[in-house]
């Protein structure tokens, strides 16, 4: 028994399905407004260059020290 002989040679094409439709999507998106993603005031420095982070830490320390001296009257405001 040959399986090829038993099968029918006519194949029925399956119905094609609809892929997508953009109708009404723009209206739906604009109903409540398209909003920008919320950002944080101070983004994390995680994953940044270690050399930059070290220098940044020292720079911040110097800035805070200078502001403290100005507040105490040890230094003129620049």
N, C-alpha and C. Protein backbone atom coordinates (compact mmCIF):
# COMPACT_ATOMS: atom_id res chain seq x y z
N UNK A 1 0.83 -1.18 0.00
CA UNK A 1 0.00 0.00 0.00
C UNK A 1 0.87 1.24 0.00
N UNK A 2 0.64 2.07 -0.97
CA UNK A 2 1.41 3.31 -1.10
C UNK A 2 0.56 4.45 -0.55
N UNK A 3 1.12 5.18 0.44
CA UNK A 3 0.36 6.27 1.06
C UNK A 3 0.12 7.42 0.08
N UNK A 4 1.03 7.63 -0.85
CA UNK A 4 0.87 8.70 -1.81
C UNK A 4 -0.33 8.45 -2.72
N UNK A 5 -0.60 7.20 -3.01
CA UNK A 5 -1.72 6.87 -3.89
C UNK A 5 -3.05 7.09 -3.19
N UNK A 6 -3.08 6.92 -1.87
CA UNK A 6 -4.33 7.07 -1.14
C UNK A 6 -4.72 8.53 -0.92
N UNK A 7 -3.73 9.44 -0.86
CA UNK A 7 -4.04 10.84 -0.60
C UNK A 7 -4.57 11.50 -1.85
N UNK A 8 -5.45 12.46 -1.66
CA UNK A 8 -6.01 13.16 -2.80
C UNK A 8 -4.99 14.17 -3.31
N UNK A 9 -4.96 14.37 -4.59
CA UNK A 9 -3.99 15.27 -5.20
C UNK A 9 -4.46 16.71 -5.17
N UNK A 10 -5.74 16.94 -4.94
CA UNK A 10 -6.23 18.32 -4.90
C UNK A 10 -6.10 18.84 -3.47
N UNK A 11 -5.44 19.98 -3.32
CA UNK A 11 -5.28 20.58 -2.00
C UNK A 11 -6.15 21.82 -1.93
N UNK A 12 -6.79 21.99 -0.80
CA UNK A 12 -7.65 23.14 -0.59
C UNK A 12 -6.85 24.19 0.14
N UNK A 13 -6.79 25.39 -0.43
CA UNK A 13 -6.03 26.47 0.19
C UNK A 13 -6.79 26.98 1.41
N UNK A 14 -6.04 27.20 2.50
CA UNK A 14 -6.66 27.73 3.71
C UNK A 14 -6.96 29.21 3.53
N UNK A 15 -7.97 29.67 4.23
CA UNK A 15 -8.33 31.08 4.14
C UNK A 15 -7.22 31.93 4.76
N UNK A 16 -6.89 33.02 4.09
CA UNK A 16 -5.86 33.92 4.60
C UNK A 16 -6.44 34.77 5.73
N UNK A 17 -5.64 34.97 6.76
CA UNK A 17 -6.12 35.78 7.88
C UNK A 17 -5.64 37.22 7.71
N UNK A 18 -6.40 38.14 8.27
CA UNK A 18 -6.05 39.56 8.19
C UNK A 18 -4.87 39.83 9.11
N UNK A 19 -3.86 40.51 8.61
CA UNK A 19 -2.66 40.76 9.40
C UNK A 19 -2.85 41.90 10.39
N UNK A 20 -3.20 43.07 9.93
CA UNK A 20 -3.37 44.19 10.85
C UNK A 20 -4.17 45.29 10.17
N UNK A 21 -4.69 46.18 11.00
CA UNK A 21 -5.40 47.35 10.50
C UNK A 21 -5.11 48.51 11.43
N UNK A 22 -4.73 49.63 10.88
CA UNK A 22 -4.42 50.81 11.68
C UNK A 22 -5.61 51.76 11.77
N UNK A 23 -6.76 51.33 11.26
CA UNK A 23 -7.94 52.18 11.28
C UNK A 23 -8.35 52.49 12.71
N UNK A 24 -8.58 53.77 13.02
CA UNK A 24 -9.06 54.26 14.31
C UNK A 24 -7.99 54.25 15.40
N UNK A 25 -6.81 53.73 15.14
CA UNK A 25 -5.79 53.64 16.19
C UNK A 25 -5.28 55.01 16.58
N UNK A 26 -5.09 55.90 15.60
CA UNK A 26 -4.59 57.24 15.89
C UNK A 26 -5.58 58.01 16.75
N UNK A 27 -6.85 57.88 16.45
CA UNK A 27 -7.89 58.55 17.24
C UNK A 27 -7.90 58.03 18.67
N UNK A 28 -7.78 56.72 18.82
CA UNK A 28 -7.76 56.12 20.16
C UNK A 28 -6.54 56.58 20.95
N UNK A 29 -5.39 56.68 20.27
CA UNK A 29 -4.16 57.10 20.94
C UNK A 29 -4.24 58.54 21.41
N UNK A 30 -4.92 59.39 20.64
CA UNK A 30 -4.96 60.81 20.96
C UNK A 30 -6.11 61.19 21.91
N UNK A 31 -7.00 60.25 22.21
CA UNK A 31 -8.12 60.57 23.10
C UNK A 31 -7.63 61.06 24.46
N UNK A 32 -6.67 60.36 25.04
CA UNK A 32 -6.12 60.76 26.33
C UNK A 32 -4.78 61.47 26.17
N UNK A 33 -4.39 61.75 24.95
CA UNK A 33 -3.14 62.44 24.69
C UNK A 33 -1.98 61.47 24.66
N UNK A 34 -1.03 61.74 23.79
CA UNK A 34 0.19 60.94 23.73
C UNK A 34 1.18 61.60 24.67
N UNK A 35 1.52 60.91 25.75
CA UNK A 35 2.36 61.49 26.80
C UNK A 35 3.80 61.03 26.66
N UNK A 36 4.72 61.91 27.06
CA UNK A 36 6.13 61.54 27.08
C UNK A 36 6.38 60.64 28.29
N UNK A 37 7.35 59.75 28.20
CA UNK A 37 7.65 58.92 29.37
C UNK A 37 8.19 59.77 30.51
N UNK A 38 7.81 59.44 31.73
CA UNK A 38 8.27 60.20 32.88
C UNK A 38 9.76 59.94 33.10
N UNK A 39 10.49 61.02 33.35
CA UNK A 39 11.92 60.89 33.58
C UNK A 39 12.23 61.30 35.01
N UNK A 40 13.30 60.75 35.54
CA UNK A 40 13.73 61.08 36.89
C UNK A 40 14.64 62.29 36.84
N UNK A 41 14.65 63.07 37.92
CA UNK A 41 15.47 64.28 37.97
C UNK A 41 16.95 63.92 37.92
N UNK A 42 17.33 62.91 38.68
CA UNK A 42 18.73 62.49 38.72
C UNK A 42 18.81 61.04 38.24
N UNK A 43 19.12 60.85 36.97
CA UNK A 43 19.20 59.48 36.47
C UNK A 43 20.34 58.72 37.12
N UNK A 44 20.20 57.43 37.22
CA UNK A 44 21.21 56.59 37.85
C UNK A 44 22.50 56.62 37.04
N UNK A 45 23.63 56.61 37.75
CA UNK A 45 24.93 56.56 37.09
C UNK A 45 25.43 55.13 36.96
N UNK A 46 24.57 54.17 37.27
CA UNK A 46 24.93 52.77 37.17
C UNK A 46 25.25 52.43 35.71
N UNK A 47 26.39 51.81 35.52
CA UNK A 47 26.80 51.41 34.17
C UNK A 47 27.61 52.46 33.45
N UNK A 48 27.84 53.63 34.07
CA UNK A 48 28.65 54.65 33.42
C UNK A 48 30.13 54.39 33.68
N UNK A 49 30.97 55.17 33.01
CA UNK A 49 32.42 55.01 33.09
C UNK A 49 32.91 55.21 34.52
N UNK A 50 33.63 54.23 35.11
CA UNK A 50 34.10 54.35 36.49
C UNK A 50 35.01 55.56 36.70
N UNK A 51 35.83 55.88 35.70
CA UNK A 51 36.73 57.03 35.80
C UNK A 51 35.92 58.32 35.93
N UNK A 52 34.87 58.42 35.15
CA UNK A 52 33.99 59.59 35.22
C UNK A 52 33.32 59.69 36.57
N UNK A 53 32.86 58.56 37.10
CA UNK A 53 32.16 58.56 38.39
C UNK A 53 33.08 58.99 39.52
N UNK A 54 34.33 58.53 39.50
CA UNK A 54 35.28 58.93 40.54
C UNK A 54 35.52 60.43 40.48
N UNK A 55 35.77 60.95 39.29
CA UNK A 55 36.03 62.38 39.13
C UNK A 55 34.80 63.19 39.53
N UNK A 56 33.63 62.70 39.16
CA UNK A 56 32.37 63.39 39.48
C UNK A 56 32.18 63.49 40.99
N UNK A 57 32.52 62.41 41.70
CA UNK A 57 32.39 62.41 43.15
C UNK A 57 33.29 63.47 43.77
N UNK A 58 34.55 63.56 43.30
CA UNK A 58 35.49 64.56 43.83
C UNK A 58 35.03 65.97 43.47
N UNK A 59 34.50 66.15 42.27
CA UNK A 59 34.03 67.47 41.85
C UNK A 59 32.85 67.93 42.72
N UNK A 60 31.94 67.02 43.02
CA UNK A 60 30.80 67.37 43.88
C UNK A 60 31.27 67.74 45.28
N UNK A 61 32.25 67.00 45.78
CA UNK A 61 32.78 67.28 47.11
C UNK A 61 33.39 68.69 47.15
N UNK A 62 34.16 69.04 46.11
CA UNK A 62 34.78 70.37 46.06
C UNK A 62 33.74 71.47 45.96
N UNK A 63 32.69 71.23 45.20
CA UNK A 63 31.63 72.22 45.05
C UNK A 63 30.92 72.46 46.38
N UNK A 64 30.60 71.39 47.08
CA UNK A 64 29.93 71.52 48.37
C UNK A 64 30.82 72.22 49.38
N UNK A 65 32.11 71.94 49.33
CA UNK A 65 33.06 72.57 50.24
C UNK A 65 33.14 74.08 49.97
N UNK A 66 33.18 74.46 48.69
CA UNK A 66 33.25 75.87 48.32
C UNK A 66 31.98 76.60 48.76
N UNK A 67 30.83 75.99 48.56
CA UNK A 67 29.57 76.62 48.97
C UNK A 67 29.51 76.79 50.49
N UNK A 68 30.03 75.81 51.20
CA UNK A 68 30.05 75.89 52.66
C UNK A 68 30.94 77.04 53.12
N UNK A 69 32.11 77.20 52.45
CA UNK A 69 33.03 78.28 52.81
C UNK A 69 32.41 79.65 52.51
N UNK A 70 31.69 79.77 51.42
CA UNK A 70 31.02 81.03 51.09
C UNK A 70 29.97 81.34 52.15
N UNK A 71 29.25 80.32 52.57
CA UNK A 71 28.20 80.51 53.58
C UNK A 71 28.80 80.96 54.91
N UNK A 72 29.98 80.42 55.24
CA UNK A 72 30.64 80.77 56.50
C UNK A 72 31.41 82.09 56.40
N UNK A 73 31.55 82.63 55.20
CA UNK A 73 32.24 83.90 55.01
C UNK A 73 33.74 83.75 54.83
N UNK A 74 34.24 82.54 54.64
CA UNK A 74 35.67 82.32 54.45
C UNK A 74 36.10 82.63 53.02
N UNK A 75 35.15 82.69 52.10
CA UNK A 75 35.48 82.86 50.69
C UNK A 75 34.48 83.81 50.06
N UNK A 76 34.95 84.60 49.09
CA UNK A 76 34.06 85.50 48.35
C UNK A 76 33.29 84.69 47.32
N UNK A 77 32.05 85.06 47.10
CA UNK A 77 31.24 84.37 46.10
C UNK A 77 31.78 84.67 44.71
N UNK A 78 31.94 83.65 43.92
CA UNK A 78 32.51 83.83 42.58
C UNK A 78 31.42 84.04 41.57
